[in-house]
């Protein structure tokens, strides 16, 4: 089992920044990738950014150039630095840890961007 604890969400004005953190614990040796997804009201959950164990990032087109994913493998933590936030970034953001055949999810953290 893998446990994921997120922090860092909140309310910010458009153009502002937030940093999300996700600390992993448990059977983390098996994790091959970690990342962030989000779900806005009435919409499906979508990928925001992922990073493999060796650091290869992948971003949704909508956040490229504004968001940066990073990992601290020593702390088993993944971060999402979000800059130039837009109202359409408003959603619940979920941390994800992936291993072959299985995904783990955090409880979610709310990000609200006001116009």
N, C-alpha and C. Protein backbone atom coordinates (compact mmCIF):
# COMPACT_ATOMS: atom_id res chain seq x y z
N UNK A 1 0.84 -1.21 0.00
CA UNK A 1 0.00 0.00 0.00
C UNK A 1 0.87 1.25 0.00
N UNK A 2 0.32 2.27 -0.62
CA UNK A 2 0.99 3.58 -0.68
C UNK A 2 0.01 4.63 -0.16
N UNK A 3 0.48 5.48 0.71
CA UNK A 3 -0.34 6.56 1.23
C UNK A 3 0.20 7.89 0.67
N UNK A 4 -0.72 8.74 0.27
CA UNK A 4 -0.36 10.04 -0.30
C UNK A 4 -1.06 11.14 0.49
N UNK A 5 -0.29 12.12 0.92
CA UNK A 5 -0.85 13.24 1.68
C UNK A 5 -0.49 14.54 0.95
N UNK A 6 -1.54 15.25 0.54
CA UNK A 6 -1.37 16.48 -0.22
C UNK A 6 -1.50 17.69 0.69
N UNK A 7 -0.89 18.78 0.25
CA UNK A 7 -1.04 20.06 0.93
C UNK A 7 -0.75 21.18 -0.06
N UNK A 8 -1.21 22.39 0.30
CA UNK A 8 -0.84 23.55 -0.49
C UNK A 8 -1.93 24.19 -1.30
N UNK A 9 -3.12 23.63 -1.32
CA UNK A 9 -4.19 24.25 -2.08
C UNK A 9 -4.68 25.52 -1.40
N UNK A 10 -5.60 26.22 -2.05
CA UNK A 10 -6.15 27.43 -1.46
C UNK A 10 -6.79 28.32 -2.49
N UNK A 11 -7.04 29.55 -2.08
CA UNK A 11 -7.68 30.56 -2.92
C UNK A 11 -6.63 31.57 -3.35
N UNK A 12 -6.60 31.86 -4.63
CA UNK A 12 -5.63 32.82 -5.15
C UNK A 12 -6.27 33.61 -6.28
N UNK A 13 -5.80 34.82 -6.47
CA UNK A 13 -6.31 35.63 -7.58
C UNK A 13 -5.65 35.20 -8.90
N UNK A 14 -6.34 35.46 -9.98
CA UNK A 14 -5.78 35.17 -11.30
C UNK A 14 -4.42 35.85 -11.45
N UNK A 15 -3.48 35.10 -12.02
CA UNK A 15 -2.13 35.60 -12.16
C UNK A 15 -1.22 35.23 -11.02
N UNK A 16 -1.79 34.72 -9.94
CA UNK A 16 -1.02 34.35 -8.77
C UNK A 16 -0.40 32.98 -8.89
N UNK A 17 0.22 32.54 -7.78
CA UNK A 17 0.93 31.27 -7.76
C UNK A 17 0.55 30.46 -6.51
N UNK A 18 0.65 29.16 -6.65
CA UNK A 18 0.51 28.23 -5.54
C UNK A 18 1.47 27.08 -5.77
N UNK A 19 1.87 26.44 -4.67
CA UNK A 19 2.67 25.23 -4.79
C UNK A 19 2.00 24.11 -4.01
N UNK A 20 1.75 23.02 -4.71
CA UNK A 20 1.18 21.84 -4.08
C UNK A 20 2.30 20.86 -3.75
N UNK A 21 2.10 20.14 -2.64
CA UNK A 21 3.05 19.11 -2.23
C UNK A 21 2.31 17.81 -2.00
N UNK A 22 2.99 16.71 -2.26
CA UNK A 22 2.41 15.39 -2.02
C UNK A 22 3.49 14.48 -1.47
N UNK A 23 3.30 14.05 -0.24
CA UNK A 23 4.27 13.17 0.40
C UNK A 23 3.76 11.73 0.34
N UNK A 24 4.62 10.85 -0.12
CA UNK A 24 4.27 9.43 -0.24
C UNK A 24 4.93 8.63 0.86
N UNK A 25 4.20 7.62 1.32
CA UNK A 25 4.75 6.70 2.32
C UNK A 25 4.20 5.31 2.05
N UNK A 26 4.82 4.32 2.68
CA UNK A 26 4.39 2.94 2.47
C UNK A 26 5.30 2.24 1.48
N UNK A 27 4.74 1.46 0.60
CA UNK A 27 5.50 0.64 -0.35
C UNK A 27 5.92 1.46 -1.56
N UNK A 28 6.70 2.49 -1.31
CA UNK A 28 7.04 3.44 -2.37
C UNK A 28 8.07 2.91 -3.33
N UNK A 29 8.75 1.82 -2.97
CA UNK A 29 9.80 1.28 -3.84
C UNK A 29 9.24 0.85 -5.19
N UNK A 30 7.95 0.55 -5.21
CA UNK A 30 7.33 0.03 -6.43
C UNK A 30 6.78 1.12 -7.35
N UNK A 31 6.82 2.36 -6.88
CA UNK A 31 6.24 3.45 -7.66
C UNK A 31 7.13 3.81 -8.84
N UNK A 32 6.55 3.86 -10.02
CA UNK A 32 7.33 4.22 -11.20
C UNK A 32 7.11 5.66 -11.63
N UNK A 33 5.99 6.24 -11.26
CA UNK A 33 5.71 7.62 -11.63
C UNK A 33 4.78 8.24 -10.61
N UNK A 34 4.93 9.54 -10.45
CA UNK A 34 4.02 10.30 -9.59
C UNK A 34 3.59 11.53 -10.37
N UNK A 35 2.42 12.03 -9.99
CA UNK A 35 1.94 13.19 -10.71
C UNK A 35 0.71 13.80 -10.11
N UNK A 36 0.12 14.71 -10.87
CA UNK A 36 -1.05 15.45 -10.44
C UNK A 36 -2.14 15.38 -11.51
N UNK A 37 -3.35 15.19 -11.04
CA UNK A 37 -4.54 15.26 -11.87
C UNK A 37 -5.46 16.28 -11.22
N UNK A 38 -6.46 16.71 -11.96
CA UNK A 38 -7.44 17.64 -11.40
C UNK A 38 -8.82 17.32 -11.94
N UNK A 39 -9.82 17.74 -11.15
CA UNK A 39 -11.20 17.52 -11.55
C UNK A 39 -12.00 18.76 -11.18
N UNK A 40 -12.54 19.40 -12.20
CA UNK A 40 -13.40 20.56 -12.00
C UNK A 40 -14.85 20.09 -11.91
N UNK A 41 -15.73 20.87 -11.30
CA UNK A 41 -17.14 20.47 -11.16
C UNK A 41 -17.75 20.14 -12.52
N UNK A 42 -18.39 18.98 -12.60
CA UNK A 42 -19.06 18.59 -13.82
C UNK A 42 -18.15 18.08 -14.91
N UNK A 43 -16.86 17.94 -14.62
CA UNK A 43 -15.92 17.49 -15.63
C UNK A 43 -15.20 16.23 -15.17
N UNK A 44 -14.60 15.54 -16.13
CA UNK A 44 -13.84 14.35 -15.80
C UNK A 44 -12.47 14.72 -15.24
N UNK A 45 -11.93 13.81 -14.47
CA UNK A 45 -10.58 14.01 -13.96
C UNK A 45 -9.60 14.00 -15.14
N UNK A 46 -8.65 14.94 -15.10
CA UNK A 46 -7.71 15.05 -16.21
C UNK A 46 -6.28 15.15 -15.70
N UNK A 47 -5.35 14.70 -16.53
CA UNK A 47 -3.94 14.78 -16.18
C UNK A 47 -3.49 16.24 -16.20
N UNK A 48 -2.69 16.60 -15.21
CA UNK A 48 -2.05 17.92 -15.18
C UNK A 48 -0.57 17.77 -15.51
N UNK A 49 0.11 16.93 -14.73
CA UNK A 49 1.54 16.72 -14.95
C UNK A 49 1.97 15.44 -14.26
N UNK A 50 2.89 14.74 -14.87
CA UNK A 50 3.45 13.55 -14.24
C UNK A 50 4.96 13.56 -14.39
N UNK A 51 5.60 12.80 -13.54
CA UNK A 51 7.05 12.69 -13.56
C UNK A 51 7.45 11.26 -13.24
N UNK A 52 8.31 10.68 -14.06
CA UNK A 52 8.77 9.34 -13.78
C UNK A 52 9.80 9.37 -12.64
N UNK A 53 10.15 8.20 -12.21
CA UNK A 53 11.11 8.08 -11.11
C UNK A 53 12.44 8.75 -11.46
N UNK A 54 12.75 8.80 -12.73
CA UNK A 54 14.00 9.39 -13.17
C UNK A 54 13.84 10.80 -13.69
N UNK A 55 12.64 11.40 -13.47
CA UNK A 55 12.48 12.83 -13.69
C UNK A 55 11.88 13.27 -14.99
N UNK A 56 11.49 12.38 -15.87
CA UNK A 56 10.93 12.80 -17.16
C UNK A 56 9.53 13.37 -16.97
N UNK A 57 9.35 14.67 -17.18
CA UNK A 57 8.04 15.27 -16.94
C UNK A 57 7.14 15.20 -18.18
N UNK A 58 5.86 15.23 -17.91
CA UNK A 58 4.85 15.27 -18.96
C UNK A 58 3.77 16.21 -18.50
N UNK A 59 3.35 17.15 -19.36
CA UNK A 59 2.37 18.16 -18.98
C UNK A 59 1.19 18.17 -19.92
N UNK A 60 0.05 18.52 -19.37
CA UNK A 60 -1.10 18.83 -20.21
C UNK A 60 -0.81 20.11 -20.97
N UNK A 61 -1.31 20.18 -22.20
CA UNK A 61 -1.05 21.38 -23.02
C UNK A 61 -1.53 22.66 -22.32
N UNK A 62 -2.60 22.54 -21.57
CA UNK A 62 -3.21 23.72 -20.94
C UNK A 62 -2.35 24.33 -19.84
N UNK A 63 -1.35 23.58 -19.35
CA UNK A 63 -0.53 24.10 -18.25
C UNK A 63 0.93 24.27 -18.63
N UNK A 64 1.29 23.86 -19.84
CA UNK A 64 2.69 23.98 -20.27
C UNK A 64 3.14 25.43 -20.20
N UNK A 65 4.33 25.63 -19.65
CA UNK A 65 4.88 26.97 -19.51
C UNK A 65 4.43 27.69 -18.26
N UNK A 66 3.43 27.16 -17.56
CA UNK A 66 2.93 27.80 -16.34
C UNK A 66 3.16 26.93 -15.10
N UNK A 67 3.04 25.62 -15.26
CA UNK A 67 3.19 24.69 -14.14
C UNK A 67 4.50 23.93 -14.28
N UNK A 68 5.08 23.60 -13.13
CA UNK A 68 6.31 22.80 -13.12
C UNK A 68 6.19 21.71 -12.07
N UNK A 69 6.42 20.49 -12.49
CA UNK A 69 6.41 19.36 -11.56
C UNK A 69 7.85 19.03 -11.19
N UNK A 70 8.06 18.71 -9.93
CA UNK A 70 9.40 18.33 -9.48
C UNK A 70 9.28 17.27 -8.40
N UNK A 71 10.35 16.54 -8.20
CA UNK A 71 10.35 15.46 -7.21
C UNK A 71 11.57 15.58 -6.33
N UNK A 72 11.38 15.25 -5.07
CA UNK A 72 12.48 15.10 -4.13
C UNK A 72 12.44 13.63 -3.71
N UNK A 73 13.25 12.82 -4.38
CA UNK A 73 13.19 11.38 -4.12
C UNK A 73 13.64 11.04 -2.70
N UNK A 74 14.51 11.85 -2.13
CA UNK A 74 14.96 11.59 -0.76
C UNK A 74 13.81 11.77 0.24
N UNK A 75 12.88 12.67 -0.09
CA UNK A 75 11.73 12.92 0.80
C UNK A 75 10.47 12.23 0.30
N UNK A 76 10.59 11.51 -0.82
CA UNK A 76 9.42 10.83 -1.40
C UNK A 76 8.27 11.81 -1.60
N UNK A 77 8.61 12.96 -2.11
CA UNK A 77 7.63 14.04 -2.26
C UNK A 77 7.66 14.57 -3.69
N UNK A 78 6.48 14.86 -4.19
CA UNK A 78 6.36 15.49 -5.50
C UNK A 78 5.67 16.83 -5.32
N UNK A 79 6.12 17.80 -6.09
CA UNK A 79 5.60 19.16 -5.99
C UNK A 79 4.99 19.60 -7.32
N UNK A 80 4.07 20.53 -7.24
CA UNK A 80 3.54 21.16 -8.44
C UNK A 80 3.55 22.66 -8.21
N UNK A 81 4.46 23.34 -8.87
CA UNK A 81 4.51 24.78 -8.81
C UNK A 81 3.61 25.34 -9.89
N UNK A 82 2.62 26.11 -9.49
CA UNK A 82 1.63 26.64 -10.42
C UNK A 82 1.74 28.16 -10.47
N UNK A 83 2.13 28.68 -11.61
CA UNK A 83 2.26 30.12 -11.81
C UNK A 83 1.24 30.60 -12.83
N UNK A 84 1.04 31.89 -12.85
CA UNK A 84 0.11 32.50 -13.81
C UNK A 84 -1.23 31.78 -13.82
N UNK A 85 -1.75 31.56 -12.65
CA UNK A 85 -2.99 30.80 -12.52
C UNK A 85 -4.16 31.53 -13.17
N UNK A 86 -5.06 30.73 -13.73
CA UNK A 86 -6.25 31.24 -14.41
C UNK A 86 -7.49 30.69 -13.73
N UNK A 87 -8.62 31.38 -13.86
CA UNK A 87 -9.86 30.84 -13.26
C UNK A 87 -10.17 29.42 -13.73
N UNK A 88 -9.81 29.08 -14.95
CA UNK A 88 -10.09 27.74 -15.45
C UNK A 88 -9.20 26.68 -14.83
N UNK A 89 -8.24 27.08 -14.02
CA UNK A 89 -7.44 26.12 -13.27
C UNK A 89 -8.14 25.68 -11.98
N UNK A 90 -9.26 26.30 -11.68
CA UNK A 90 -10.00 25.95 -10.47
C UNK A 90 -10.46 24.50 -10.54
N UNK A 91 -10.11 23.72 -9.53
CA UNK A 91 -10.45 22.30 -9.50
C UNK A 91 -9.96 21.70 -8.18
N UNK A 92 -10.34 20.47 -7.96
CA UNK A 92 -9.71 19.68 -6.91
C UNK A 92 -8.52 18.97 -7.56
N UNK A 93 -7.37 19.14 -6.95
CA UNK A 93 -6.14 18.55 -7.48
C UNK A 93 -5.80 17.30 -6.67
N UNK A 94 -5.54 16.22 -7.39
CA UNK A 94 -5.26 14.93 -6.77
C UNK A 94 -3.83 14.48 -7.09
N UNK A 95 -3.15 14.05 -6.08
CA UNK A 95 -1.84 13.44 -6.26
C UNK A 95 -2.04 11.99 -6.68
N UNK A 96 -1.19 11.52 -7.57
CA UNK A 96 -1.26 10.15 -8.07
C UNK A 96 0.10 9.50 -7.98
N UNK A 97 0.09 8.24 -7.57
CA UNK A 97 1.31 7.42 -7.62
C UNK A 97 0.97 6.16 -8.41
N UNK A 98 1.81 5.86 -9.39
CA UNK A 98 1.52 4.76 -10.30
C UNK A 98 2.59 3.67 -10.21
N UNK A 99 2.12 2.45 -10.17
CA UNK A 99 3.00 1.31 -10.36
C UNK A 99 2.30 0.38 -11.34
N UNK A 100 2.97 -0.59 -11.84
CA UNK A 100 2.40 -1.45 -12.87
C UNK A 100 1.09 -2.05 -12.38
N UNK A 101 0.03 -1.72 -13.08
CA UNK A 101 -1.26 -2.31 -12.79
C UNK A 101 -2.06 -1.67 -11.67
N UNK A 102 -1.53 -0.59 -11.07
CA UNK A 102 -2.24 -0.02 -9.92
C UNK A 102 -1.93 1.46 -9.78
N UNK A 103 -2.97 2.22 -9.43
CA UNK A 103 -2.81 3.65 -9.14
C UNK A 103 -3.28 3.94 -7.72
N UNK A 104 -2.56 4.82 -7.07
CA UNK A 104 -2.95 5.31 -5.75
C UNK A 104 -3.28 6.79 -5.86
N UNK A 105 -4.23 7.24 -5.03
CA UNK A 105 -4.68 8.62 -5.09
C UNK A 105 -4.67 9.25 -3.71
N UNK A 106 -4.35 10.54 -3.68
CA UNK A 106 -4.50 11.31 -2.47
C UNK A 106 -5.95 11.72 -2.28
N UNK A 107 -6.21 12.44 -1.19
CA UNK A 107 -7.57 12.83 -0.86
C UNK A 107 -8.04 14.03 -1.65
N UNK A 108 -7.11 14.73 -2.27
CA UNK A 108 -7.46 15.90 -3.07
C UNK A 108 -7.31 17.19 -2.29
N UNK A 109 -6.92 18.24 -2.98
CA UNK A 109 -6.82 19.56 -2.37
C UNK A 109 -7.44 20.58 -3.33
N UNK A 110 -8.25 21.47 -2.77
CA UNK A 110 -8.99 22.42 -3.58
C UNK A 110 -8.09 23.59 -3.98
N UNK A 111 -8.11 23.92 -5.26
CA UNK A 111 -7.47 25.13 -5.77
C UNK A 111 -8.55 25.98 -6.41
N UNK A 112 -8.69 27.20 -5.93
CA UNK A 112 -9.68 28.12 -6.47
C UNK A 112 -8.98 29.38 -6.93
N UNK A 113 -9.20 29.74 -8.18
CA UNK A 113 -8.59 30.93 -8.76
C UNK A 113 -9.70 31.93 -9.07
N UNK A 114 -9.65 33.06 -8.43
CA UNK A 114 -10.68 34.08 -8.65
C UNK A 114 -10.25 35.04 -9.75
N UNK A 115 -11.25 35.54 -10.46
CA UNK A 115 -10.96 36.47 -11.59
C UNK A 115 -10.91 37.91 -11.13
